[in-house]
Amino acid sequence: MRSNPLRNLLIRLVWDPGIDAGEYVIAYRSRGAEGGFEVVRGSDIVKVYLRGFEARSRWGVKYIPFHRILYVKNESTGEYLYRSRKPL
């Protein structure tokens, strides 16, 4: 099976004790949201699956497939750890 770098990054946010997951934001496409996307914090990740992840949101736990992720960004440094090639 091929490794998924985005999945590996999210797993590190959840499990690496040296990383403050609250400093990271994950933007993803959301059809019902204003502007067409929503943002969750890395600290809101509940579980990472093979093709997506679950995160806590205002409406409970939400499943987000990897193909919807636009970027993963460290807010304190402004560094993008992942950016989708597909424009919003």
PDB file of N, CA and C in Angstrom:
ATOM      1  N   MET A   1       0.826  -1.179   0.000  1.00  0.00           N
ATOM      2  CA  MET A   1       0.000   0.000   0.000  1.00  0.00           C
ATOM      3  C   MET A   1       0.875   1.248   0.000  1.00  0.00           C
ATOM      4  N   ARG A   2       0.471   2.242  -0.770  1.00  0.00           N
ATOM      5  CA  ARG A   2       1.209   3.491  -0.880  1.00  0.00           C
ATOM      6  C   ARG A   2       1.007   4.380   0.349  1.00  0.00           C
ATOM      7  N   SER A   3       2.040   5.065   0.759  1.00  0.00           N
ATOM      8  CA  SER A   3       1.961   5.973   1.896  1.00  0.00           C
ATOM      9  C   SER A   3       1.285   7.281   1.480  1.00  0.00           C
ATOM     10  N   ASN A   4       0.477   7.846   2.361  1.00  0.00           N
ATOM     11  CA  ASN A   4      -0.196   9.110   2.111  1.00  0.00           C
ATOM     12  C   ASN A   4       0.437  10.169   3.016  1.00  0.00           C
ATOM     13  N   PRO A   5       1.188  11.118   2.446  1.00  0.00           N
ATOM     14  CA  PRO A   5       1.879  12.115   3.271  1.00  0.00           C
ATOM     15  C   PRO A   5       0.919  12.973   4.101  1.00  0.00           C
ATOM     16  N   LEU A   6      -0.251  13.278   3.562  1.00  0.00           N
ATOM     17  CA  LEU A   6      -1.224  14.074   4.307  1.00  0.00           C
ATOM     18  C   LEU A   6      -1.731  13.296   5.519  1.00  0.00           C
ATOM     19  N   ARG A   7      -2.016  12.038   5.335  1.00  0.00           N
ATOM     20  CA  ARG A   7      -2.456  11.187   6.442  1.00  0.00           C
ATOM     21  C   ARG A   7      -1.364  11.107   7.504  1.00  0.00           C
ATOM     22  N   ASN A   8      -0.124  10.913   7.074  1.00  0.00           N
ATOM     23  CA  ASN A   8       0.999  10.843   8.012  1.00  0.00           C
ATOM     24  C   ASN A   8       1.146  12.144   8.806  1.00  0.00           C
ATOM     25  N   LEU A   9       0.938  13.283   8.146  1.00  0.00           N
ATOM     26  CA  LEU A   9       1.021  14.579   8.813  1.00  0.00           C
ATOM     27  C   LEU A   9      -0.054  14.701   9.887  1.00  0.00           C
ATOM     28  N   LEU A  10      -1.286  14.330   9.570  1.00  0.00           N
ATOM     29  CA  LEU A  10      -2.371  14.426  10.547  1.00  0.00           C
ATOM     30  C   LEU A  10      -2.173  13.463  11.711  1.00  0.00           C
ATOM     31  N   ILE A  11      -1.643  12.287  11.432  1.00  0.00           N
ATOM     32  CA  ILE A  11      -1.340  11.337  12.511  1.00  0.00           C
ATOM     33  C   ILE A  11      -0.296  11.925  13.452  1.00  0.00           C
ATOM     34  N   ARG A  12       0.688  12.597  12.896  1.00  0.00           N
ATOM     35  CA  ARG A  12       1.712  13.241  13.748  1.00  0.00           C
ATOM     36  C   ARG A  12       1.104  14.333  14.611  1.00  0.00           C
ATOM     37  N   LEU A  13       0.151  15.099  14.056  1.00  0.00           N
ATOM     38  CA  LEU A  13      -0.504  16.137  14.850  1.00  0.00           C
ATOM     39  C   LEU A  13      -1.223  15.535  16.056  1.00  0.00           C
ATOM     40  N   VAL A  14      -1.796  14.361  15.858  1.00  0.00           N
ATOM     41  CA  VAL A  14      -2.541  13.702  16.932  1.00  0.00           C
ATOM     42  C   VAL A  14      -1.602  13.070  17.958  1.00  0.00           C
ATOM     43  N   TRP A  15      -0.568  12.380  17.504  1.00  0.00           N
ATOM     44  CA  TRP A  15       0.210  11.522  18.389  1.00  0.00           C
ATOM     45  C   TRP A  15       1.572  12.043  18.828  1.00  0.00           C
ATOM     46  N   ASP A  16       2.175  12.993  18.125  1.00  0.00           N
ATOM     47  CA  ASP A  16       3.523  13.443  18.481  1.00  0.00           C
ATOM     48  C   ASP A  16       3.456  14.401  19.670  1.00  0.00           C
ATOM     49  N   PRO A  17       4.021  14.026  20.818  1.00  0.00           N
ATOM     50  CA  PRO A  17       3.952  14.887  22.001  1.00  0.00           C
ATOM     51  C   PRO A  17       4.771  16.172  21.846  1.00  0.00           C
ATOM     52  N   GLY A  18       5.669  16.218  20.894  1.00  0.00           N
ATOM     53  CA  GLY A  18       6.484  17.406  20.667  1.00  0.00           C
ATOM     54  C   GLY A  18       5.804  18.461  19.815  1.00  0.00           C
ATOM     55  N   ILE A  19       4.603  18.176  19.333  1.00  0.00           N
ATOM     56  CA  ILE A  19       3.871  19.104  18.468  1.00  0.00           C
ATOM     57  C   ILE A  19       2.639  19.605  19.209  1.00  0.00           C
ATOM     58  N   ASP A  20       2.441  20.922  19.210  1.00  0.00           N
ATOM     59  CA  ASP A  20       1.225  21.508  19.764  1.00  0.00           C
ATOM     60  C   ASP A  20       0.201  21.584  18.638  1.00  0.00           C
ATOM     61  N   ALA A  21      -0.708  20.615  18.593  1.00  0.00           N
ATOM     62  CA  ALA A  21      -1.680  20.522  17.502  1.00  0.00           C
ATOM     63  C   ALA A  21      -2.589  21.749  17.432  1.00  0.00           C
ATOM     64  N   GLY A  22      -2.758  22.452  18.533  1.00  0.00           N
ATOM     65  CA  GLY A  22      -3.593  23.657  18.548  1.00  0.00           C
ATOM     66  C   GLY A  22      -3.038  24.792  17.710  1.00  0.00           C
ATOM     67  N   GLU A  23      -1.754  24.733  17.368  1.00  0.00           N
ATOM     68  CA  GLU A  23      -1.139  25.770  16.525  1.00  0.00           C
ATOM     69  C   GLU A  23      -1.447  25.578  15.042  1.00  0.00           C
ATOM     70  N   TYR A  24      -2.013  24.437  14.676  1.00  0.00           N
ATOM     71  CA  TYR A  24      -2.233  24.108  13.272  1.00  0.00           C
ATOM     72  C   TYR A  24      -3.708  24.223  12.915  1.00  0.00           C
ATOM     73  N   VAL A  25      -3.959  24.724  11.705  1.00  0.00           N
ATOM     74  CA  VAL A  25      -5.319  24.786  11.188  1.00  0.00           C
ATOM     75  C   VAL A  25      -5.393  23.980   9.900  1.00  0.00           C
ATOM     76  N   ILE A  26      -6.545  23.369   9.690  1.00  0.00           N
ATOM     77  CA  ILE A  26      -6.791  22.565   8.497  1.00  0.00           C
ATOM     78  C   ILE A  26      -8.010  23.158   7.805  1.00  0.00           C
ATOM     79  N   ALA A  27      -7.829  23.664   6.605  1.00  0.00           N
ATOM     80  CA  ALA A  27      -8.936  24.223   5.828  1.00  0.00           C
ATOM     81  C   ALA A  27      -9.411  23.164   4.846  1.00  0.00           C
ATOM     82  N   TYR A  28     -10.726  23.045   4.697  1.00  0.00           N
ATOM     83  CA  TYR A  28     -11.287  22.047   3.794  1.00  0.00           C
ATOM     84  C   TYR A  28     -12.521  22.586   3.093  1.00  0.00           C
ATOM     85  N   ARG A  29     -12.792  22.054   1.905  1.00  0.00           N
ATOM     86  CA  ARG A  29     -13.977  22.435   1.144  1.00  0.00           C
ATOM     87  C   ARG A  29     -15.229  21.990   1.876  1.00  0.00           C
ATOM     88  N   SER A  30     -16.200  22.897   1.956  1.00  0.00           N
ATOM     89  CA  SER A  30     -17.473  22.584   2.594  1.00  0.00           C
ATOM     90  C   SER A  30     -18.562  23.301   1.814  1.00  0.00           C
ATOM     91  N   ARG A  31     -19.392  22.548   1.165  1.00  0.00           N
ATOM     92  CA  ARG A  31     -20.402  23.126   0.272  1.00  0.00           C
ATOM     93  C   ARG A  31     -21.343  24.109   0.952  1.00  0.00           C
ATOM     94  N   GLY A  32     -21.718  23.854   2.192  1.00  0.00           N
ATOM     95  CA  GLY A  32     -22.691  24.711   2.861  1.00  0.00           C
ATOM     96  C   GLY A  32     -22.092  25.924   3.550  1.00  0.00           C
ATOM     97  N   ALA A  33     -20.795  26.020   3.611  1.00  0.00           N
ATOM     98  CA  ALA A  33     -20.144  27.089   4.358  1.00  0.00           C
ATOM     99  C   ALA A  33     -20.013  28.363   3.528  1.00  0.00           C
ATOM    100  N   GLU A  34     -19.992  29.468   4.228  1.00  0.00           N
ATOM    101  CA  GLU A  34     -19.759  30.751   3.568  1.00  0.00           C
ATOM    102  C   GLU A  34     -18.335  30.763   3.012  1.00  0.00           C
ATOM    103  N   GLY A  35     -18.189  31.109   1.761  1.00  0.00           N
ATOM    104  CA  GLY A  35     -16.877  31.105   1.123  1.00  0.00           C
ATOM    105  C   GLY A  35     -16.483  29.750   0.548  1.00  0.00           C
ATOM    106  N   GLY A  36     -17.264  28.710   0.836  1.00  0.00           N
ATOM    107  CA  GLY A  36     -16.991  27.399   0.274  1.00  0.00           C
ATOM    108  C   GLY A  36     -15.998  26.555   1.042  1.00  0.00           C
ATOM    109  N   PHE A  37     -15.524  27.054   2.205  1.00  0.00           N
ATOM    110  CA  PHE A  37     -14.597  26.235   2.995  1.00  0.00           C
ATOM    111  C   PHE A  37     -14.781  26.519   4.480  1.00  0.00           C
ATOM    112  N   GLU A  38     -14.303  25.571   5.302  1.00  0.00           N
ATOM    113  CA  GLU A  38     -14.306  25.701   6.755  1.00  0.00           C
ATOM    114  C   GLU A  38     -12.909  25.383   7.267  1.00  0.00           C
ATOM    115  N   VAL A  39     -12.669  25.713   8.529  1.00  0.00           N
ATOM    116  CA  VAL A  39     -11.359  25.492   9.144  1.00  0.00           C
ATOM    117  C   VAL A  39     -11.552  24.791  10.487  1.00  0.00           C
ATOM    118  N   VAL A  40     -10.715  23.798  10.761  1.00  0.00           N
ATOM    119  CA  VAL A  40     -10.669  23.154  12.083  1.00  0.00           C
ATOM    120  C   VAL A  40      -9.234  23.201  12.590  1.00  0.00           C
ATOM    121  N   ARG A  41      -9.087  23.150  13.881  1.00  0.00           N
ATOM    122  CA  ARG A  41      -7.750  23.119  14.496  1.00  0.00           C
ATOM    123  C   ARG A  41      -7.245  21.689  14.567  1.00  0.00           C
ATOM    124  N   GLY A  42      -5.946  21.548  14.558  1.00  0.00           N
ATOM    125  CA  GLY A  42      -5.344  20.221  14.688  1.00  0.00           C
ATOM    126  C   GLY A  42      -5.728  19.549  15.987  1.00  0.00           C
ATOM    127  N   SER A  43      -5.949  20.342  17.026  1.00  0.00           N
ATOM    128  CA  SER A  43      -6.331  19.783  18.324  1.00  0.00           C
ATOM    129  C   SER A  43      -7.768  19.247  18.319  1.00  0.00           C
ATOM    130  N   ASP A  44      -8.545  19.558  17.278  1.00  0.00           N
ATOM    131  CA  ASP A  44      -9.920  19.062  17.165  1.00  0.00           C
ATOM    132  C   ASP A  44     -10.007  17.718  16.446  1.00  0.00           C
ATOM    133  N   ILE A  45      -8.882  17.214  15.956  1.00  0.00           N
ATOM    134  CA  ILE A  45      -8.891  15.909  15.273  1.00  0.00           C
ATOM    135  C   ILE A  45      -9.199  14.818  16.288  1.00  0.00           C
ATOM    136  N   VAL A  46     -10.187  13.995  15.952  1.00  0.00           N
ATOM    137  CA  VAL A  46     -10.596  12.902  16.823  1.00  0.00           C
ATOM    138  C   VAL A  46      -9.929  11.604  16.389  1.00  0.00           C
ATOM    139  N   LYS A  47      -9.970  11.324  15.090  1.00  0.00           N
ATOM    140  CA  LYS A  47      -9.405  10.078  14.573  1.00  0.00           C
ATOM    141  C   LYS A  47      -9.019  10.258  13.114  1.00  0.00           C
ATOM    142  N   VAL A  48      -7.922   9.615  12.706  1.00  0.00           N
ATOM    143  CA  VAL A  48      -7.461   9.650  11.315  1.00  0.00           C
ATOM    144  C   VAL A  48      -7.694   8.274  10.704  1.00  0.00           C
ATOM    145  N   TYR A  49      -8.359   8.261   9.553  1.00  0.00           N
ATOM    146  CA  TYR A  49      -8.663   7.022   8.842  1.00  0.00           C
ATOM    147  C   TYR A  49      -7.797   6.918   7.585  1.00  0.00           C
ATOM    148  N   LEU A  50      -8.040   5.904   6.802  1.00  0.00           N
ATOM    149  CA  LEU A  50      -7.280   5.679   5.573  1.00  0.00           C
ATOM    150  C   LEU A  50      -7.544   6.765   4.530  1.00  0.00           C
ATOM    151  N   ARG A  51      -8.781   7.218   4.409  1.00  0.00           N
ATOM    152  CA  ARG A  51      -9.149   8.177   3.375  1.00  0.00           C
ATOM    153  C   ARG A  51      -9.658   9.520   3.896  1.00  0.00           C
ATOM    154  N   GLY A  52      -9.576   9.735   5.202  1.00  0.00           N
ATOM    155  CA  GLY A  52     -10.058  10.986   5.769  1.00  0.00           C
ATOM    156  C   GLY A  52      -9.847  11.014   7.274  1.00  0.00           C
ATOM    157  N   PHE A  53     -10.480  11.991   7.924  1.00  0.00           N
ATOM    158  CA  PHE A  53     -10.352  12.107   9.367  1.00  0.00           C
ATOM    159  C   PHE A  53     -11.640  12.661   9.969  1.00  0.00           C
ATOM    160  N   GLU A  54     -11.780  12.483  11.268  1.00  0.00           N
ATOM    161  CA  GLU A  54     -12.906  13.038  12.005  1.00  0.00           C
ATOM    162  C   GLU A  54     -12.386  14.167  12.880  1.00  0.00           C
ATOM    163  N   ALA A  55     -13.176  15.257  12.943  1.00  0.00           N
ATOM    164  CA  ALA A  55     -12.807  16.390  13.776  1.00  0.00           C
ATOM    165  C   ALA A  55     -14.047  16.933  14.475  1.00  0.00           C
ATOM    166  N   ARG A  56     -13.842  17.453  15.679  1.00  0.00           N
ATOM    167  CA  ARG A  56     -14.926  18.102  16.396  1.00  0.00           C
ATOM    168  C   ARG A  56     -15.223  19.445  15.735  1.00  0.00           C
ATOM    169  N   SER A  57     -16.510  19.750  15.603  1.00  0.00           N
ATOM    170  CA  SER A  57     -16.925  21.050  15.064  1.00  0.00           C
ATOM    171  C   SER A  57     -18.088  21.562  15.909  1.00  0.00           C
ATOM    172  N   ARG A  58     -18.638  22.688  15.521  1.00  0.00           N
ATOM    173  CA  ARG A  58     -19.773  23.254  16.260  1.00  0.00           C
ATOM    174  C   ARG A  58     -20.969  22.315  16.267  1.00  0.00           C
ATOM    175  N   TRP A  59     -21.075  21.483  15.258  1.00  0.00           N
ATOM    176  CA  TRP A  59     -22.232  20.606  15.099  1.00  0.00           C
ATOM    177  C   TRP A  59     -21.931  19.164  15.492  1.00  0.00           C
ATOM    178  N   GLY A  60     -20.883  18.917  16.196  1.00  0.00           N
ATOM    179  CA  GLY A  60     -20.513  17.563  16.600  1.00  0.00           C
ATOM    180  C   GLY A  60     -19.284  17.084  15.844  1.00  0.00           C
ATOM    181  N   VAL A  61     -19.107  15.784  15.784  1.00  0.00           N
ATOM    182  CA  VAL A  61     -17.960  15.205  15.084  1.00  0.00           C
ATOM    183  C   VAL A  61     -18.302  15.076  13.602  1.00  0.00           C
ATOM    184  N   LYS A  62     -17.376  15.521  12.763  1.00  0.00           N
ATOM    185  CA  LYS A  62     -17.600  15.546  11.314  1.00  0.00           C
ATOM    186  C   LYS A  62     -16.487  14.776  10.609  1.00  0.00           C
ATOM    187  N   TYR A  63     -16.877  13.946   9.627  1.00  0.00           N
ATOM    188  CA  TYR A  63     -15.890  13.220   8.819  1.00  0.00           C
ATOM    189  C   TYR A  63     -15.502  14.086   7.627  1.00  0.00           C
ATOM    190  N   ILE A  64     -14.189  14.235   7.399  1.00  0.00           N
ATOM    191  CA  ILE A  64     -13.676  15.055   6.300  1.00  0.00           C
ATOM    192  C   ILE A  64     -12.731  14.195   5.454  1.00  0.00           C
ATOM    193  N   PRO A  65     -13.099  13.927   4.195  1.00  0.00           N
ATOM    194  CA  PRO A  65     -12.211  13.141   3.325  1.00  0.00           C
ATOM    195  C   PRO A  65     -10.967  13.957   2.944  1.00  0.00           C
ATOM    196  N   PHE A  66      -9.855  13.269   2.752  1.00  0.00           N
ATOM    197  CA  PHE A  66      -8.606  13.952   2.411  1.00  0.00           C
ATOM    198  C   PHE A  66      -8.706  14.781   1.130  1.00  0.00           C
ATOM    199  N   HIS A  67      -9.499  14.337   0.153  1.00  0.00           N
ATOM    200  CA  HIS A  67      -9.550  15.069  -1.118  1.00  0.00           C
ATOM    201  C   HIS A  67     -10.193  16.451  -0.965  1.00  0.00           C
ATOM    202  N   ARG A  68     -10.828  16.727   0.175  1.00  0.00           N
ATOM    203  CA  ARG A  68     -11.415  18.041   0.402  1.00  0.00           C
ATOM    204  C   ARG A  68     -10.472  19.030   1.076  1.00  0.00           C
ATOM    205  N   ILE A  69      -9.348  18.545   1.589  1.00  0.00           N
ATOM    206  CA  ILE A  69      -8.435  19.422   2.332  1.00  0.00           C
ATOM    207  C   ILE A  69      -7.738  20.385   1.379  1.00  0.00           C
ATOM    208  N   LEU A  70      -7.782  21.665   1.736  1.00  0.00           N
ATOM    209  CA  LEU A  70      -7.143  22.716   0.938  1.00  0.00           C
ATOM    210  C   LEU A  70      -5.722  22.994   1.428  1.00  0.00           C
ATOM    211  N   TYR A  71      -5.568  23.079   2.752  1.00  0.00           N
ATOM    212  CA  TYR A  71      -4.223  23.301   3.293  1.00  0.00           C
ATOM    213  C   TYR A  71      -4.170  22.929   4.770  1.00  0.00           C
ATOM    214  N   VAL A  72      -2.927  22.705   5.233  1.00  0.00           N
ATOM    215  CA  VAL A  72      -2.617  22.551   6.651  1.00  0.00           C
ATOM    216  C   VAL A  72      -1.552  23.601   6.932  1.00  0.00           C
ATOM    217  N   LYS A  73      -1.818  24.460   7.914  1.00  0.00           N
ATOM    218  CA  LYS A  73      -0.942  25.615   8.152  1.00  0.00           C
ATOM    219  C   LYS A  73      -0.634  25.753   9.640  1.00  0.00           C
ATOM    220  N   ASN A  74       0.628  26.085   9.945  1.00  0.00           N
ATOM    221  CA  ASN A  74       1.033  26.430  11.302  1.00  0.00           C
ATOM    222  C   ASN A  74       0.733  27.917  11.479  1.00  0.00           C
ATOM    223  N   GLU A  75      -0.217  28.246  12.338  1.00  0.00           N
ATOM    224  CA  GLU A  75      -0.624  29.644  12.490  1.00  0.00           C
ATOM    225  C   GLU A  75       0.442  30.506  13.147  1.00  0.00           C
ATOM    226  N   SER A  76       1.233  29.943  14.032  1.00  0.00           N
ATOM    227  CA  SER A  76       2.236  30.756  14.719  1.00  0.00           C
ATOM    228  C   SER A  76       3.387  31.158  13.803  1.00  0.00           C
ATOM    229  N   THR A  77       3.746  30.315  12.837  1.00  0.00           N
ATOM    230  CA  THR A  77       4.855  30.643  11.935  1.00  0.00           C
ATOM    231  C   THR A  77       4.383  31.078  10.545  1.00  0.00           C
ATOM    232  N   GLY A  78       3.127  30.759  10.208  1.00  0.00           N
ATOM    233  CA  GLY A  78       2.615  31.065   8.874  1.00  0.00           C
ATOM    234  C   GLY A  78       3.029  30.053   7.819  1.00  0.00           C
ATOM    235  N   GLU A  79       3.706  28.988   8.243  1.00  0.00           N
ATOM    236  CA  GLU A  79       4.208  27.973   7.311  1.00  0.00           C
ATOM    237  C   GLU A  79       3.091  27.012   6.894  1.00  0.00           C
ATOM    238  N   TYR A  80       3.005  26.773   5.576  1.00  0.00           N
ATOM    239  CA  TYR A  80       2.060  25.791   5.045  1.00  0.00           C
ATOM    240  C   TYR A  80       2.766  24.439   4.994  1.00  0.00           C
ATOM    241  N   LEU A  81       2.201  23.452   5.657  1.00  0.00           N
ATOM    242  CA  LEU A  81       2.773  22.114   5.643  1.00  0.00           C
ATOM    243  C   LEU A  81       2.195  21.287   4.504  1.00  0.00           C
ATOM    244  N   TYR A  82       1.017  21.688   4.042  1.00  0.00           N
ATOM    245  CA  TYR A  82       0.375  21.014   2.916  1.00  0.00           C
ATOM    246  C   TYR A  82      -0.518  22.024   2.213  1.00  0.00           C
ATOM    247  N   ARG A  83      -0.507  21.980   0.879  1.00  0.00           N
ATOM    248  CA  ARG A  83      -1.425  22.784   0.060  1.00  0.00           C
ATOM    249  C   ARG A  83      -1.932  21.913  -1.071  1.00  0.00           C
ATOM    250  N   SER A  84      -3.238  21.979  -1.286  1.00  0.00           N
ATOM    251  CA  SER A  84      -3.846  21.235  -2.384  1.00  0.00           C
ATOM    252  C   SER A  84      -3.464  21.899  -3.704  1.00  0.00           C
ATOM    253  N   ARG A  85      -3.353  21.098  -4.744  1.00  0.00           N
ATOM    254  CA  ARG A  85      -3.078  21.647  -6.070  1.00  0.00           C
ATOM    255  C   ARG A  85      -4.341  22.177  -6.722  1.00  0.00           C
ATOM    256  N   LYS A  86      -5.506  21.775  -6.190  1.00  0.00           N
ATOM    257  CA  LYS A  86      -6.774  22.213  -6.747  1.00  0.00           C
ATOM    258  C   LYS A  86      -7.170  23.566  -6.125  1.00  0.00           C
ATOM    259  N   PRO A  87      -7.465  24.569  -6.948  1.00  0.00           N
ATOM    260  CA  PRO A  87      -7.866  25.857  -6.416  1.00  0.00           C
ATOM    261  C   PRO A  87      -9.278  25.802  -5.847  1.00  0.00           C
ATOM    262  N   LEU A  88      -9.582  26.720  -4.946  1.00  0.00           N
ATOM    263  CA  LEU A  88     -10.917  26.808  -4.380  1.00  0.00           C
ATOM    264  C   LEU A  88     -11.810  27.363  -5.426  1.00  0.00           C
TER     265      LEU A  88
END
